[in-house]
Amino acid sequence: MPMKSHIVSVILLAFILFSCSKEQANVHKRTCVAVRYTMEYCPVKASLVTFLEPRSDLPRPAHLSTIYTSQAAVLNLPDEFKKTDTVFYLTFHYDEDREKKENAEAPYIFCPAHIGVSPIIVGESASWQSCK
């Protein structure tokens, strides 16, 4: 009987490790860059920012022919940075699963103006000081 419980434990442990690594596979590494606040992003409750240098490491809308992304919708941006044309430093990561979740809920949110599609990134911190 003890041998059977060890086998079950090993299988369970392998399953847990595999599921954790799968979750992390859709999360990109943390990045810190200078951005400019543009406006509130709709239909997702986020803030639209413009990168001071275009990014090639984020997904881009399918209708764009460039390999660079110049804007993104930031989740969790503190209110003090939500002023039009304000430049600050943003530490963020891209989480594909979180983006899918946010977009799945978006059709139920009323938007007075449709901005267009931008990648959704998760803000970790924002600062007036350079992160380099």
C-alpha atoms as a PDB file:
ATOM      1  CA  MET A   1       0.000   0.000   0.000  1.00  0.00           C
ATOM      2  CA  PRO A   2       2.766   2.569   0.751  1.00  0.00           C
ATOM      3  CA  MET A   3       4.229   2.044  -2.731  1.00  0.00           C
ATOM      4  CA  LYS A   4       0.889   2.946  -4.304  1.00  0.00           C
ATOM      5  CA  SER A   5       0.666   6.201  -2.326  1.00  0.00           C
ATOM      6  CA  HIS A   6       4.217   7.142  -3.401  1.00  0.00           C
ATOM      7  CA  ILE A   7       3.304   6.665  -7.057  1.00  0.00           C
ATOM      8  CA  VAL A   8       0.192   8.807  -6.638  1.00  0.00           C
ATOM      9  CA  SER A   9       2.269  11.478  -4.863  1.00  0.00           C
ATOM     10  CA  VAL A  10       4.851  11.535  -7.657  1.00  0.00           C
ATOM     11  CA  ILE A  11       2.156  11.819 -10.334  1.00  0.00           C
ATOM     12  CA  LEU A  12       0.420  14.596  -8.405  1.00  0.00           C
ATOM     13  CA  LEU A  13       3.699  16.473  -7.923  1.00  0.00           C
ATOM     14  CA  ALA A  14       4.540  16.178 -11.628  1.00  0.00           C
ATOM     15  CA  PHE A  15       1.089  17.506 -12.531  1.00  0.00           C
ATOM     16  CA  ILE A  16       1.484  20.503 -10.208  1.00  0.00           C
ATOM     17  CA  LEU A  17       4.937  21.344 -11.552  1.00  0.00           C
ATOM     18  CA  PHE A  18       3.761  21.056 -15.158  1.00  0.00           C
ATOM     19  CA  SER A  19       0.726  23.273 -14.584  1.00  0.00           C
ATOM     20  CA  CYS A  20       2.838  25.955 -12.863  1.00  0.00           C
ATOM     21  CA  SER A  21       5.369  26.063 -15.677  1.00  0.00           C
ATOM     22  CA  LYS A  22       2.567  26.321 -18.250  1.00  0.00           C
ATOM     23  CA  GLU A  23       1.144  29.374 -16.458  1.00  0.00           C
ATOM     24  CA  GLN A  24       4.533  31.086 -16.474  1.00  0.00           C
ATOM     25  CA  ALA A  25       5.081  30.344 -20.178  1.00  0.00           C
ATOM     26  CA  ASN A  26       2.477  32.969 -21.119  1.00  0.00           C
ATOM     27  CA  VAL A  27       4.035  35.660 -18.910  1.00  0.00           C
ATOM     28  CA  HIS A  28       6.899  37.670 -20.391  1.00  0.00           C
ATOM     29  CA  LYS A  29       9.790  38.994 -18.317  1.00  0.00           C
ATOM     30  CA  ARG A  30       9.529  42.290 -16.453  1.00  0.00           C
ATOM     31  CA  THR A  31      10.583  45.386 -18.410  1.00  0.00           C
ATOM     32  CA  CYS A  32      11.033  49.038 -17.436  1.00  0.00           C
ATOM     33  CA  VAL A  33      10.694  51.795 -20.044  1.00  0.00           C
ATOM     34  CA  ALA A  34       9.774  55.446 -20.448  1.00  0.00           C
ATOM     35  CA  VAL A  35       6.163  56.023 -21.519  1.00  0.00           C
ATOM     36  CA  ARG A  36       3.763  58.916 -22.058  1.00  0.00           C
ATOM     37  CA  TYR A  37       0.230  58.731 -20.666  1.00  0.00           C
ATOM     38  CA  THR A  38      -2.305  59.188 -23.461  1.00  0.00           C
ATOM     39  CA  MET A  39      -5.813  58.543 -22.129  1.00  0.00           C
ATOM     40  CA  GLU A  40      -8.121  56.027 -20.484  1.00  0.00           C
ATOM     41  CA  TYR A  41      -8.402  52.862 -22.563  1.00  0.00           C
ATOM     42  CA  CYS A  42     -11.790  51.477 -23.424  1.00  0.00           C
ATOM     43  CA  PRO A  43     -13.417  48.918 -23.390  1.00  0.00           C
ATOM     44  CA  VAL A  44     -10.951  47.438 -20.870  1.00  0.00           C
ATOM     45  CA  LYS A  45     -10.524  49.369 -17.599  1.00  0.00           C
ATOM     46  CA  ALA A  46      -6.935  50.395 -18.321  1.00  0.00           C
ATOM     47  CA  SER A  47      -4.760  53.356 -19.305  1.00  0.00           C
ATOM     48  CA  LEU A  48      -3.395  53.884 -22.798  1.00  0.00           C
ATOM     49  CA  VAL A  49       0.298  54.786 -22.869  1.00  0.00           C
ATOM     50  CA  THR A  50       2.656  55.534 -25.744  1.00  0.00           C
ATOM     51  CA  PHE A  51       6.158  54.090 -25.620  1.00  0.00           C
ATOM     52  CA  LEU A  52       8.865  56.697 -26.209  1.00  0.00           C
ATOM     53  CA  GLU A  53      10.672  54.002 -28.201  1.00  0.00           C
ATOM     54  CA  PRO A  54       8.496  51.506 -30.134  1.00  0.00           C
ATOM     55  CA  ARG A  55       8.554  47.928 -28.843  1.00  0.00           C
ATOM     56  CA  SER A  56       9.057  44.797 -30.923  1.00  0.00           C
ATOM     57  CA  ASP A  57       8.522  42.393 -28.001  1.00  0.00           C
ATOM     58  CA  LEU A  58       4.770  42.874 -27.576  1.00  0.00           C
ATOM     59  CA  PRO A  59       1.974  41.523 -29.746  1.00  0.00           C
ATOM     60  CA  ARG A  60       0.713  43.992 -32.299  1.00  0.00           C
ATOM     61  CA  PRO A  61      -2.761  44.405 -33.772  1.00  0.00           C
ATOM     62  CA  ALA A  62      -3.209  42.205 -36.840  1.00  0.00           C
ATOM     63  CA  HIS A  63      -4.120  45.138 -39.085  1.00  0.00           C
ATOM     64  CA  LEU A  64      -0.739  46.832 -38.595  1.00  0.00           C
ATOM     65  CA  SER A  65       2.029  46.057 -41.048  1.00  0.00           C
ATOM     66  CA  THR A  66       4.864  47.114 -38.741  1.00  0.00           C
ATOM     67  CA  ILE A  67       6.701  44.813 -36.335  1.00  0.00           C
ATOM     68  CA  TYR A  68       6.684  47.527 -33.668  1.00  0.00           C
ATOM     69  CA  THR A  69       4.072  48.392 -31.073  1.00  0.00           C
ATOM     70  CA  SER A  70       3.936  52.036 -30.088  1.00  0.00           C
ATOM     71  CA  GLN A  71       1.066  51.899 -27.580  1.00  0.00           C
ATOM     72  CA  ALA A  72      -0.305  49.563 -24.931  1.00  0.00           C
ATOM     73  CA  ALA A  73      -3.140  49.471 -22.424  1.00  0.00           C
ATOM     74  CA  VAL A  74      -1.774  49.320 -18.869  1.00  0.00           C
ATOM     75  CA  LEU A  75      -3.637  47.604 -16.057  1.00  0.00           C
ATOM     76  CA  ASN A  76      -3.016  48.821 -12.477  1.00  0.00           C
ATOM     77  CA  LEU A  77      -1.603  52.277 -13.290  1.00  0.00           C
ATOM     78  CA  PRO A  78      -1.667  54.552 -10.200  1.00  0.00           C
ATOM     79  CA  ASP A  79      -3.876  57.654 -10.559  1.00  0.00           C
ATOM     80  CA  GLU A  80      -1.005  60.126 -10.048  1.00  0.00           C
ATOM     81  CA  PHE A  81       0.388  59.157 -13.481  1.00  0.00           C
ATOM     82  CA  LYS A  82      -2.938  59.540 -15.323  1.00  0.00           C
ATOM     83  CA  LYS A  83      -2.378  63.027 -16.711  1.00  0.00           C
ATOM     84  CA  THR A  84      -2.350  63.606 -20.469  1.00  0.00           C
ATOM     85  CA  ASP A  85       1.157  63.822 -21.972  1.00  0.00           C
ATOM     86  CA  THR A  86       2.838  62.978 -18.645  1.00  0.00           C
ATOM     87  CA  VAL A  87       6.122  61.093 -19.136  1.00  0.00           C
ATOM     88  CA  PHE A  88       7.147  58.538 -16.509  1.00  0.00           C
ATOM     89  CA  TYR A  89       8.883  55.180 -16.144  1.00  0.00           C
ATOM     90  CA  LEU A  90       6.769  52.049 -16.157  1.00  0.00           C
ATOM     91  CA  THR A  91       7.768  48.579 -15.002  1.00  0.00           C
ATOM     92  CA  PHE A  92       5.459  46.020 -16.582  1.00  0.00           C
ATOM     93  CA  HIS A  93       5.112  42.516 -17.937  1.00  0.00           C
ATOM     94  CA  TYR A  94       2.956  41.047 -20.675  1.00  0.00           C
ATOM     95  CA  ASP A  95       0.633  38.240 -19.581  1.00  0.00           C
ATOM     96  CA  GLU A  96      -1.156  36.591 -22.501  1.00  0.00           C
ATOM     97  CA  ASP A  97      -3.698  34.821 -20.274  1.00  0.00           C
ATOM     98  CA  ARG A  98      -4.573  38.022 -18.402  1.00  0.00           C
ATOM     99  CA  GLU A  99      -5.003  39.854 -21.722  1.00  0.00           C
ATOM    100  CA  LYS A 100      -7.418  37.156 -22.938  1.00  0.00           C
ATOM    101  CA  LYS A 101      -9.389  37.392 -19.682  1.00  0.00           C
ATOM    102  CA  GLU A 102      -9.672  41.186 -19.881  1.00  0.00           C
ATOM    103  CA  ASN A 103     -10.711  41.084 -23.550  1.00  0.00           C
ATOM    104  CA  ALA A 104     -13.315  38.391 -22.844  1.00  0.00           C
ATOM    105  CA  GLU A 105     -15.061  40.737 -20.400  1.00  0.00           C
ATOM    106  CA  ALA A 106     -14.722  43.804 -22.667  1.00  0.00           C
ATOM    107  CA  PRO A 107     -17.848  43.369 -24.858  1.00  0.00           C
ATOM    108  CA  TYR A 108     -20.019  44.034 -21.803  1.00  0.00           C
ATOM    109  CA  ILE A 109     -18.494  47.452 -21.100  1.00  0.00           C
ATOM    110  CA  PHE A 110     -19.986  50.558 -22.755  1.00  0.00           C
ATOM    111  CA  CYS A 111     -17.443  52.742 -24.577  1.00  0.00           C
ATOM    112  CA  PRO A 112     -18.331  56.245 -25.747  1.00  0.00           C
ATOM    113  CA  ALA A 113     -15.342  56.178 -28.121  1.00  0.00           C
ATOM    114  CA  HIS A 114     -13.575  53.133 -29.511  1.00  0.00           C
ATOM    115  CA  ILE A 115      -9.812  53.675 -29.420  1.00  0.00           C
ATOM    116  CA  GLY A 116      -8.672  50.610 -31.332  1.00  0.00           C
ATOM    117  CA  VAL A 117      -6.859  47.466 -30.325  1.00  0.00           C
ATOM    118  CA  SER A 118      -3.670  47.661 -28.251  1.00  0.00           C
ATOM    119  CA  PRO A 119      -1.849  44.950 -26.322  1.00  0.00           C
ATOM    120  CA  ILE A 120      -2.810  44.826 -22.653  1.00  0.00           C
ATOM    121  CA  ILE A 121       0.118  44.838 -20.229  1.00  0.00           C
ATOM    122  CA  VAL A 122       0.209  44.480 -16.448  1.00  0.00           C
ATOM    123  CA  GLY A 123       1.738  47.467 -14.684  1.00  0.00           C
ATOM    124  CA  GLU A 124       3.919  46.485 -11.734  1.00  0.00           C
ATOM    125  CA  SER A 125       5.151  49.944 -10.758  1.00  0.00           C
ATOM    126  CA  ALA A 126       5.446  53.488 -12.072  1.00  0.00           C
ATOM    127  CA  SER A 127       7.994  56.121 -11.110  1.00  0.00           C
ATOM    128  CA  TRP A 128       9.198  59.609 -11.966  1.00  0.00           C
ATOM    129  CA  GLN A 129      12.771  58.310 -11.590  1.00  0.00           C
ATOM    130  CA  SER A 130      14.554  56.469 -14.381  1.00  0.00           C
ATOM    131  CA  CYS A 131      14.681  52.725 -13.918  1.00  0.00           C
ATOM    132  CA  LYS A 132      18.076  52.336 -15.628  1.00  0.00           C
END
